[in-house]
């Protein structure tokens, strides 16, 4: 049979390994959660930046009186082409 000291060392090693595994898993999960949060915040900032740029372009087009959005019902391709020709000169 195995002595009591050997069994104590085995169980100590077993419980130490389980405890380490739990702590390590929590550390990895926390890092992953922080990365996910950071990515979501960055994505939101990027969307806000793109929306602001689109708003600026839309406002600049409204100043010229030419609608550049083809989805708009008031869109006129001839006016847009004429504006592009005037800008290129």
PDB file of N, CA and C in Angstrom:
ATOM      1  N   UNK A   1       0.827  -1.181   0.000  1.00  0.00           N
ATOM      2  CA  UNK A   1       0.000   0.000   0.000  1.00  0.00           C
ATOM      3  C   UNK A   1       0.877   1.254   0.000  1.00  0.00           C
ATOM      4  N   UNK A   2       0.238   2.346  -0.325  1.00  0.00           N
ATOM      5  CA  UNK A   2       0.935   3.615  -0.426  1.00  0.00           C
ATOM      6  C   UNK A   2       0.875   4.288   0.937  1.00  0.00           C
ATOM      7  N   UNK A   3       1.965   4.938   1.304  1.00  0.00           N
ATOM      8  CA  UNK A   3       2.018   5.576   2.617  1.00  0.00           C
ATOM      9  C   UNK A   3       1.136   6.828   2.641  1.00  0.00           C
ATOM     10  N   UNK A   4       0.844   7.300   3.826  1.00  0.00           N
ATOM     11  CA  UNK A   4       0.002   8.479   4.010  1.00  0.00           C
ATOM     12  C   UNK A   4       0.648   9.741   3.474  1.00  0.00           C
ATOM     13  N   UNK A   5       1.963   9.816   3.539  1.00  0.00           N
ATOM     14  CA  UNK A   5       2.673  11.000   3.047  1.00  0.00           C
ATOM     15  C   UNK A   5       2.518  11.119   1.528  1.00  0.00           C
ATOM     16  N   UNK A   6       2.628  10.004   0.830  1.00  0.00           N
ATOM     17  CA  UNK A   6       2.504  10.012  -0.626  1.00  0.00           C
ATOM     18  C   UNK A   6       1.080  10.414  -1.029  1.00  0.00           C
ATOM     19  N   UNK A   7       0.083   9.893  -0.303  1.00  0.00           N
ATOM     20  CA  UNK A   7      -1.305  10.278  -0.598  1.00  0.00           C
ATOM     21  C   UNK A   7      -1.530  11.767  -0.328  1.00  0.00           C
ATOM     22  N   UNK A   8      -0.947  12.297   0.742  1.00  0.00           N
ATOM     23  CA  UNK A   8      -1.085  13.719   1.057  1.00  0.00           C
ATOM     24  C   UNK A   8      -0.457  14.575  -0.049  1.00  0.00           C
ATOM     25  N   UNK A   9       0.686  14.151  -0.556  1.00  0.00           N
ATOM     26  CA  UNK A   9       1.346  14.891  -1.628  1.00  0.00           C
ATOM     27  C   UNK A   9       0.507  14.811  -2.912  1.00  0.00           C
ATOM     28  N   UNK A  10      -0.036  13.649  -3.206  1.00  0.00           N
ATOM     29  CA  UNK A  10      -0.868  13.486  -4.410  1.00  0.00           C
ATOM     30  C   UNK A  10      -2.097  14.397  -4.359  1.00  0.00           C
ATOM     31  N   UNK A  11      -2.808  14.346  -3.237  1.00  0.00           N
ATOM     32  CA  UNK A  11      -4.026  15.162  -3.130  1.00  0.00           C
ATOM     33  C   UNK A  11      -3.705  16.651  -3.083  1.00  0.00           C
ATOM     34  N   UNK A  12      -2.591  16.989  -2.469  1.00  0.00           N
ATOM     35  CA  UNK A  12      -2.187  18.397  -2.461  1.00  0.00           C
ATOM     36  C   UNK A  12      -1.905  18.862  -3.884  1.00  0.00           C
ATOM     37  N   UNK A  13      -1.195  18.050  -4.651  1.00  0.00           N
ATOM     38  CA  UNK A  13      -0.897  18.397  -6.041  1.00  0.00           C
ATOM     39  C   UNK A  13      -2.190  18.474  -6.858  1.00  0.00           C
ATOM     40  N   UNK A  14      -3.108  17.547  -6.631  1.00  0.00           N
ATOM     41  CA  UNK A  14      -4.378  17.541  -7.355  1.00  0.00           C
ATOM     42  C   UNK A  14      -5.180  18.812  -7.071  1.00  0.00           C
ATOM     43  N   UNK A  15      -5.351  19.147  -5.811  1.00  0.00           N
ATOM     44  CA  UNK A  15      -6.144  20.327  -5.457  1.00  0.00           C
ATOM     45  C   UNK A  15      -5.445  21.619  -5.869  1.00  0.00           C
ATOM     46  N   UNK A  16      -4.107  21.629  -5.810  1.00  0.00           N
ATOM     47  CA  UNK A  16      -3.365  22.805  -6.268  1.00  0.00           C
ATOM     48  C   UNK A  16      -3.572  22.999  -7.766  1.00  0.00           C
ATOM     49  N   UNK A  17      -3.532  21.931  -8.540  1.00  0.00           N
ATOM     50  CA  UNK A  17      -3.748  22.005  -9.978  1.00  0.00           C
ATOM     51  C   UNK A  17      -5.159  22.466 -10.325  1.00  0.00           C
ATOM     52  N   UNK A  18      -6.140  21.951  -9.608  1.00  0.00           N
ATOM     53  CA  UNK A  18      -7.524  22.363  -9.852  1.00  0.00           C
ATOM     54  C   UNK A  18      -7.693  23.844  -9.522  1.00  0.00           C
ATOM     55  N   UNK A  19      -7.137  24.272  -8.387  1.00  0.00           N
ATOM     56  CA  UNK A  19      -7.234  25.677  -7.986  1.00  0.00           C
ATOM     57  C   UNK A  19      -6.539  26.575  -9.017  1.00  0.00           C
ATOM     58  N   UNK A  20      -5.351  26.173  -9.454  1.00  0.00           N
ATOM     59  CA  UNK A  20      -4.632  26.939 -10.466  1.00  0.00           C
ATOM     60  C   UNK A  20      -5.447  27.024 -11.756  1.00  0.00           C
ATOM     61  N   UNK A  21      -6.049  25.929 -12.159  1.00  0.00           N
ATOM     62  CA  UNK A  21      -6.859  25.913 -13.372  1.00  0.00           C
ATOM     63  C   UNK A  21      -8.034  26.879 -13.287  1.00  0.00           C
ATOM     64  N   UNK A  22      -8.688  26.922 -12.142  1.00  0.00           N
ATOM     65  CA  UNK A  22      -9.817  27.830 -11.957  1.00  0.00           C
ATOM     66  C   UNK A  22      -9.346  29.279 -12.040  1.00  0.00           C
ATOM     67  N   UNK A  23      -8.259  29.591 -11.345  1.00  0.00           N
ATOM     68  CA  UNK A  23      -7.745  30.963 -11.346  1.00  0.00           C
ATOM     69  C   UNK A  23      -7.278  31.358 -12.748  1.00  0.00           C
ATOM     70  N   UNK A  24      -6.601  30.470 -13.434  1.00  0.00           N
ATOM     71  CA  UNK A  24      -6.099  30.763 -14.774  1.00  0.00           C
ATOM     72  C   UNK A  24      -7.258  30.983 -15.747  1.00  0.00           C
ATOM     73  N   UNK A  25      -8.280  30.164 -15.646  1.00  0.00           N
ATOM     74  CA  UNK A  25      -9.463  30.305 -16.506  1.00  0.00           C
ATOM     75  C   UNK A  25     -10.123  31.670 -16.287  1.00  0.00           C
ATOM     76  N   UNK A  26     -10.255  32.081 -15.032  1.00  0.00           N
ATOM     77  CA  UNK A  26     -10.849  33.388 -14.734  1.00  0.00           C
ATOM     78  C   UNK A  26     -10.005  34.526 -15.309  1.00  0.00           C
ATOM     79  N   UNK A  27      -8.699  34.397 -15.229  1.00  0.00           N
ATOM     80  CA  UNK A  27      -7.808  35.420 -15.772  1.00  0.00           C
ATOM     81  C   UNK A  27      -7.969  35.527 -17.289  1.00  0.00           C
ATOM     82  N   UNK A  28      -7.984  34.389 -17.953  1.00  0.00           N
ATOM     83  CA  UNK A  28      -8.158  34.387 -19.406  1.00  0.00           C
ATOM     84  C   UNK A  28      -9.526  34.942 -19.807  1.00  0.00           C
ATOM     85  N   UNK A  29     -10.563  34.570 -19.058  1.00  0.00           N
ATOM     86  CA  UNK A  29     -11.913  35.052 -19.377  1.00  0.00           C
ATOM     87  C   UNK A  29     -12.012  36.557 -19.180  1.00  0.00           C
ATOM     88  N   UNK A  30     -11.366  37.070 -18.133  1.00  0.00           N
ATOM     89  CA  UNK A  30     -11.386  38.509 -17.878  1.00  0.00           C
ATOM     90  C   UNK A  30     -10.687  39.256 -19.013  1.00  0.00           C
ATOM     91  N   UNK A  31      -9.551  38.744 -19.471  1.00  0.00           N
ATOM     92  CA  UNK A  31      -8.827  39.379 -20.572  1.00  0.00           C
ATOM     93  C   UNK A  31      -9.666  39.351 -21.851  1.00  0.00           C
ATOM     94  N   UNK A  32     -10.334  38.249 -22.111  1.00  0.00           N
ATOM     95  CA  UNK A  32     -11.180  38.125 -23.302  1.00  0.00           C
ATOM     96  C   UNK A  32     -12.358  39.099 -23.221  1.00  0.00           C
ATOM     97  N   UNK A  33     -12.974  39.224 -22.050  1.00  0.00           N
ATOM     98  CA  UNK A  33     -14.090  40.153 -21.879  1.00  0.00           C
ATOM     99  C   UNK A  33     -13.649  41.596 -22.096  1.00  0.00           C
ATOM    100  N   UNK A  34     -12.470  41.953 -21.585  1.00  0.00           N
ATOM    101  CA  UNK A  34     -11.952  43.309 -21.780  1.00  0.00           C
ATOM    102  C   UNK A  34     -11.669  43.574 -23.255  1.00  0.00           C
ATOM    103  N   UNK A  35     -11.116  42.586 -23.957  1.00  0.00           N
ATOM    104  CA  UNK A  35     -10.843  42.731 -25.376  1.00  0.00           C
ATOM    105  C   UNK A  35     -12.149  42.899 -26.164  1.00  0.00           C
ATOM    106  N   UNK A  36     -13.158  42.130 -25.811  1.00  0.00           N
ATOM    107  CA  UNK A  36     -14.452  42.232 -26.479  1.00  0.00           C
ATOM    108  C   UNK A  36     -15.075  43.608 -26.252  1.00  0.00           C
ATOM    109  N   UNK A  37     -14.983  44.099 -25.020  1.00  0.00           N
ATOM    110  CA  UNK A  37     -15.518  45.419 -24.701  1.00  0.00           C
ATOM    111  C   UNK A  37     -14.771  46.501 -25.474  1.00  0.00           C
ATOM    112  N   UNK A  38     -13.446  46.399 -25.500  1.00  0.00           N
ATOM    113  CA  UNK A  38     -12.631  47.370 -26.223  1.00  0.00           C
ATOM    114  C   UNK A  38     -12.988  47.366 -27.708  1.00  0.00           C
ATOM    115  N   UNK A  39     -13.166  46.178 -28.267  1.00  0.00           N
ATOM    116  CA  UNK A  39     -13.514  46.071 -29.681  1.00  0.00           C
ATOM    117  C   UNK A  39     -14.882  46.705 -29.952  1.00  0.00           C
ATOM    118  N   UNK A  40     -15.840  46.469 -29.074  1.00  0.00           N
ATOM    119  CA  UNK A  40     -17.179  47.038 -29.257  1.00  0.00           C
ATOM    120  C   UNK A  40     -17.131  48.562 -29.190  1.00  0.00           C
ATOM    121  N   UNK A  41     -16.361  49.094 -28.251  1.00  0.00           N
ATOM    122  CA  UNK A  41     -16.241  50.547 -28.132  1.00  0.00           C
ATOM    123  C   UNK A  41     -15.575  51.119 -29.375  1.00  0.00           C
ATOM    124  N   UNK A  42     -14.516  50.476 -29.836  1.00  0.00           N
ATOM    125  CA  UNK A  42     -13.816  50.939 -31.036  1.00  0.00           C
ATOM    126  C   UNK A  42     -14.740  50.893 -32.252  1.00  0.00           C
ATOM    127  N   UNK A  43     -15.518  49.841 -32.369  1.00  0.00           N
ATOM    128  CA  UNK A  43     -16.452  49.701 -33.485  1.00  0.00           C
ATOM    129  C   UNK A  43     -17.494  50.817 -33.449  1.00  0.00           C
ATOM    130  N   UNK A  44     -18.006  51.116 -32.248  1.00  0.00           N
ATOM    131  CA  UNK A  44     -18.988  52.192 -32.116  1.00  0.00           C
ATOM    132  C   UNK A  44     -18.381  53.534 -32.494  1.00  0.00           C
ATOM    133  N   UNK A  45     -17.141  53.788 -32.068  1.00  0.00           N
ATOM    134  CA  UNK A  45     -16.468  55.038 -32.421  1.00  0.00           C
ATOM    135  C   UNK A  45     -16.282  55.149 -33.933  1.00  0.00           C
ATOM    136  N   UNK A  46     -15.931  54.040 -34.568  1.00  0.00           N
ATOM    137  CA  UNK A  46     -15.745  54.035 -36.015  1.00  0.00           C
ATOM    138  C   UNK A  46     -17.068  54.321 -36.729  1.00  0.00           C
ATOM    139  N   UNK A  47     -18.151  53.739 -36.256  1.00  0.00           N
ATOM    140  CA  UNK A  47     -19.452  53.996 -36.867  1.00  0.00           C
ATOM    141  C   UNK A  47     -19.863  55.458 -36.700  1.00  0.00           C
ATOM    142  N   UNK A  48     -19.598  56.023 -35.535  1.00  0.00           N
ATOM    143  CA  UNK A  48     -19.921  57.426 -35.292  1.00  0.00           C
ATOM    144  C   UNK A  48     -19.106  58.320 -36.220  1.00  0.00           C
ATOM    145  N   UNK A  49     -17.824  58.000 -36.384  1.00  0.00           N
ATOM    146  CA  UNK A  49     -16.966  58.782 -37.270  1.00  0.00           C
ATOM    147  C   UNK A  49     -17.473  58.719 -38.711  1.00  0.00           C
ATOM    148  N   UNK A  50     -17.839  57.530 -39.177  1.00  0.00           N
ATOM    149  CA  UNK A  50     -18.350  57.390 -40.532  1.00  0.00           C
ATOM    150  C   UNK A  50     -19.665  58.139 -40.714  1.00  0.00           C
ATOM    151  N   UNK A  51     -20.514  58.111 -39.691  1.00  0.00           N
ATOM    152  CA  UNK A  51     -21.788  58.835 -39.779  1.00  0.00           C
ATOM    153  C   UNK A  51     -21.555  60.344 -39.836  1.00  0.00           C
ATOM    154  N   UNK A  52     -20.587  60.835 -39.058  1.00  0.00           N
ATOM    155  CA  UNK A  52     -20.268  62.266 -39.090  1.00  0.00           C
ATOM    156  C   UNK A  52     -19.724  62.670 -40.457  1.00  0.00           C
ATOM    157  N   UNK A  53     -18.870  61.834 -41.032  1.00  0.00           N
ATOM    158  CA  UNK A  53     -18.337  62.128 -42.361  1.00  0.00           C
ATOM    159  C   UNK A  53     -19.452  62.148 -43.407  1.00  0.00           C
ATOM    160  N   UNK A  54     -20.363  61.193 -43.307  1.00  0.00           N
ATOM    161  CA  UNK A  54     -21.484  61.157 -44.248  1.00  0.00           C
ATOM    162  C   UNK A  54     -22.366  62.389 -44.069  1.00  0.00           C
ATOM    163  N   UNK A  55     -22.558  62.806 -42.836  1.00  0.00           N
ATOM    164  CA  UNK A  55     -23.371  64.002 -42.575  1.00  0.00           C
ATOM    165  C   UNK A  55     -22.703  65.238 -43.174  1.00  0.00           C
ATOM    166  N   UNK A  56     -21.383  65.339 -43.011  1.00  0.00           N
ATOM    167  CA  UNK A  56     -20.665  66.483 -43.595  1.00  0.00           C
ATOM    168  C   UNK A  56     -20.797  66.498 -45.107  1.00  0.00           C
ATOM    169  N   UNK A  57     -20.631  65.329 -45.739  1.00  0.00           N
ATOM    170  CA  UNK A  57     -20.765  65.256 -47.193  1.00  0.00           C
ATOM    171  C   UNK A  57     -22.180  65.641 -47.633  1.00  0.00           C
ATOM    172  N   UNK A  58     -23.161  65.195 -46.869  1.00  0.00           N
ATOM    173  CA  UNK A  58     -24.542  65.513 -47.209  1.00  0.00           C
ATOM    174  C   UNK A  58     -24.802  67.013 -47.076  1.00  0.00           C
ATOM    175  N   UNK A  59     -24.262  67.616 -46.024  1.00  0.00           N
ATOM    176  CA  UNK A  59     -24.457  69.046 -45.822  1.00  0.00           C
ATOM    177  C   UNK A  59     -23.732  69.864 -46.879  1.00  0.00           C
ATOM    178  N   UNK A  60     -22.550  69.425 -47.293  1.00  0.00           N
ATOM    179  CA  UNK A  60     -21.820  70.116 -48.353  1.00  0.00           C
ATOM    180  C   UNK A  60     -22.587  70.034 -49.668  1.00  0.00           C
ATOM    181  N   UNK A  61     -23.192  68.887 -49.935  1.00  0.00           N
ATOM    182  CA  UNK A  61     -23.998  68.735 -51.138  1.00  0.00           C
ATOM    183  C   UNK A  61     -25.234  69.610 -51.086  1.00  0.00           C
ATOM    184  N   UNK A  62     -25.800  69.787 -49.903  1.00  0.00           N
ATOM    185  CA  UNK A  62     -26.996  70.622 -49.768  1.00  0.00           C
ATOM    186  C   UNK A  62     -26.654  72.091 -49.993  1.00  0.00           C
ATOM    187  N   UNK A  63     -25.431  72.505 -49.656  1.00  0.00           N
ATOM    188  CA  UNK A  63     -25.016  73.892 -49.867  1.00  0.00           C
ATOM    189  C   UNK A  63     -24.938  74.209 -51.351  1.00  0.00           C
ATOM    190  N   UNK A  64     -24.511  73.242 -52.146  1.00  0.00           N
ATOM    191  CA  UNK A  64     -24.395  73.436 -53.590  1.00  0.00           C
ATOM    192  C   UNK A  64     -25.752  73.352 -54.275  1.00  0.00           C
ATOM    193  N   UNK A  65     -26.715  72.817 -53.598  1.00  0.00           N
ATOM    194  CA  UNK A  65     -28.027  72.634 -54.196  1.00  0.00           C
ATOM    195  C   UNK A  65     -28.117  71.382 -55.034  1.00  0.00           C
ATOM    196  N   UNK A  66     -27.063  70.553 -55.023  1.00  0.00           N
ATOM    197  CA  UNK A  66     -27.049  69.322 -55.806  1.00  0.00           C
ATOM    198  C   UNK A  66     -27.140  68.155 -54.837  1.00  0.00           C
ATOM    199  N   UNK A  67     -28.087  67.305 -55.069  1.00  0.00           N
ATOM    200  CA  UNK A  67     -28.269  66.128 -54.221  1.00  0.00           C
ATOM    201  C   UNK A  67     -27.423  64.997 -54.806  1.00  0.00           C
ATOM    202  N   UNK A  68     -26.510  64.473 -53.994  1.00  0.00           N
ATOM    203  CA  UNK A  68     -25.588  63.438 -54.474  1.00  0.00           C
ATOM    204  C   UNK A  68     -26.021  62.036 -54.078  1.00  0.00           C
ATOM    205  N   UNK A  69     -27.082  61.916 -53.312  1.00  0.00           N
ATOM    206  CA  UNK A  69     -27.551  60.606 -52.863  1.00  0.00           C
ATOM    207  C   UNK A  69     -28.514  60.029 -53.901  1.00  0.00           C
ATOM    208  N   UNK A  70     -28.137  58.941 -54.583  1.00  0.00           N
ATOM    209  CA  UNK A  70     -29.015  58.387 -55.615  1.00  0.00           C
ATOM    210  C   UNK A  70     -30.308  57.789 -55.050  1.00  0.00           C
ATOM    211  N   UNK A  71     -30.358  57.549 -53.750  1.00  0.00           N
ATOM    212  CA  UNK A  71     -31.565  57.016 -53.127  1.00  0.00           C
ATOM    213  C   UNK A  71     -32.621  58.094 -52.928  1.00  0.00           C
ATOM    214  N   UNK A  72     -32.207  59.336 -52.961  1.00  0.00           N
ATOM    215  CA  UNK A  72     -33.117  60.461 -52.727  1.00  0.00           C
ATOM    216  C   UNK A  72     -34.058  60.620 -53.926  1.00  0.00           C
ATOM    217  N   UNK A  73     -35.356  60.838 -53.672  1.00  0.00           N
ATOM    218  CA  UNK A  73     -36.288  61.001 -54.792  1.00  0.00           C
ATOM    219  C   UNK A  73     -36.022  62.266 -55.614  1.00  0.00           C
ATOM    220  N   UNK A  74     -35.356  63.263 -55.057  1.00  0.00           N
ATOM    221  CA  UNK A  74     -35.073  64.505 -55.769  1.00  0.00           C
ATOM    222  C   UNK A  74     -33.720  64.466 -56.497  1.00  0.00           C
ATOM    223  N   UNK A  75     -33.100  63.314 -56.539  1.00  0.00           N
ATOM    224  CA  UNK A  75     -31.785  63.158 -57.175  1.00  0.00           C
ATOM    225  C   UNK A  75     -31.881  63.433 -58.677  1.00  0.00           C
ATOM    226  N   UNK A  76     -30.944  64.260 -59.180  1.00  0.00           N
ATOM    227  CA  UNK A  76     -30.899  64.576 -60.607  1.00  0.00           C
ATOM    228  C   UNK A  76     -29.483  64.325 -61.111  1.00  0.00           C
ATOM    229  N   UNK A  77     -29.328  63.329 -61.947  1.00  0.00           N
ATOM    230  CA  UNK A  77     -28.017  62.921 -62.437  1.00  0.00           C
ATOM    231  C   UNK A  77     -27.375  64.007 -63.299  1.00  0.00           C
ATOM    232  N   UNK A  78     -28.160  64.699 -64.082  1.00  0.00           N
ATOM    233  CA  UNK A  78     -27.610  65.733 -64.956  1.00  0.00           C
ATOM    234  C   UNK A  78     -27.000  66.871 -64.140  1.00  0.00           C
ATOM    235  N   UNK A  79     -27.653  67.272 -63.066  1.00  0.00           N
ATOM    236  CA  UNK A  79     -27.118  68.333 -62.211  1.00  0.00           C
ATOM    237  C   UNK A  79     -25.820  67.876 -61.541  1.00  0.00           C
ATOM    238  N   UNK A  80     -25.783  66.623 -61.131  1.00  0.00           N
ATOM    239  CA  UNK A  80     -24.586  66.085 -60.482  1.00  0.00           C
ATOM    240  C   UNK A  80     -23.410  66.058 -61.454  1.00  0.00           C
ATOM    241  N   UNK A  81     -23.646  65.622 -62.662  1.00  0.00           N
ATOM    242  CA  UNK A  81     -22.570  65.578 -63.667  1.00  0.00           C
ATOM    243  C   UNK A  81     -22.098  66.987 -63.999  1.00  0.00           C
ATOM    244  N   UNK A  82     -23.023  67.923 -64.102  1.00  0.00           N
ATOM    245  CA  UNK A  82     -22.647  69.311 -64.369  1.00  0.00           C
ATOM    246  C   UNK A  82     -21.802  69.873 -63.221  1.00  0.00           C
ATOM    247  N   UNK A  83     -22.147  69.518 -61.999  1.00  0.00           N
ATOM    248  CA  UNK A  83     -21.367  69.975 -60.834  1.00  0.00           C
ATOM    249  C   UNK A  83     -19.964  69.389 -60.878  1.00  0.00           C
ATOM    250  N   UNK A  84     -19.843  68.102 -61.215  1.00  0.00           N
ATOM    251  CA  UNK A  84     -18.534  67.464 -61.299  1.00  0.00           C
ATOM    252  C   UNK A  84     -17.684  68.127 -62.400  1.00  0.00           C
ATOM    253  N   UNK A  85     -18.299  68.452 -63.514  1.00  0.00           N
ATOM    254  CA  UNK A  85     -17.566  69.097 -64.598  1.00  0.00           C
ATOM    255  C   UNK A  85     -17.090  70.480 -64.172  1.00  0.00           C
ATOM    256  N   UNK A  86     -17.929  71.209 -63.446  1.00  0.00           N
ATOM    257  CA  UNK A  86     -17.544  72.536 -62.973  1.00  0.00           C
ATOM    258  C   UNK A  86     -16.432  72.452 -61.946  1.00  0.00           C
ATOM    259  N   UNK A  87     -16.465  71.427 -61.108  1.00  0.00           N
ATOM    260  CA  UNK A  87     -15.424  71.269 -60.084  1.00  0.00           C
ATOM    261  C   UNK A  87     -14.093  70.859 -60.693  1.00  0.00           C
ATOM    262  N   UNK A  88     -14.117  70.124 -61.774  1.00  0.00           N
ATOM    263  CA  UNK A  88     -12.878  69.636 -62.385  1.00  0.00           C
ATOM    264  C   UNK A  88     -12.149  70.736 -63.142  1.00  0.00           C
ATOM    265  N   UNK A  89     -12.829  71.816 -63.479  1.00  0.00           N
ATOM    266  CA  UNK A  89     -12.198  72.921 -64.234  1.00  0.00           C
ATOM    267  C   UNK A  89     -11.468  73.853 -63.339  1.00  0.00           C
TER     268      UNK A  89
END
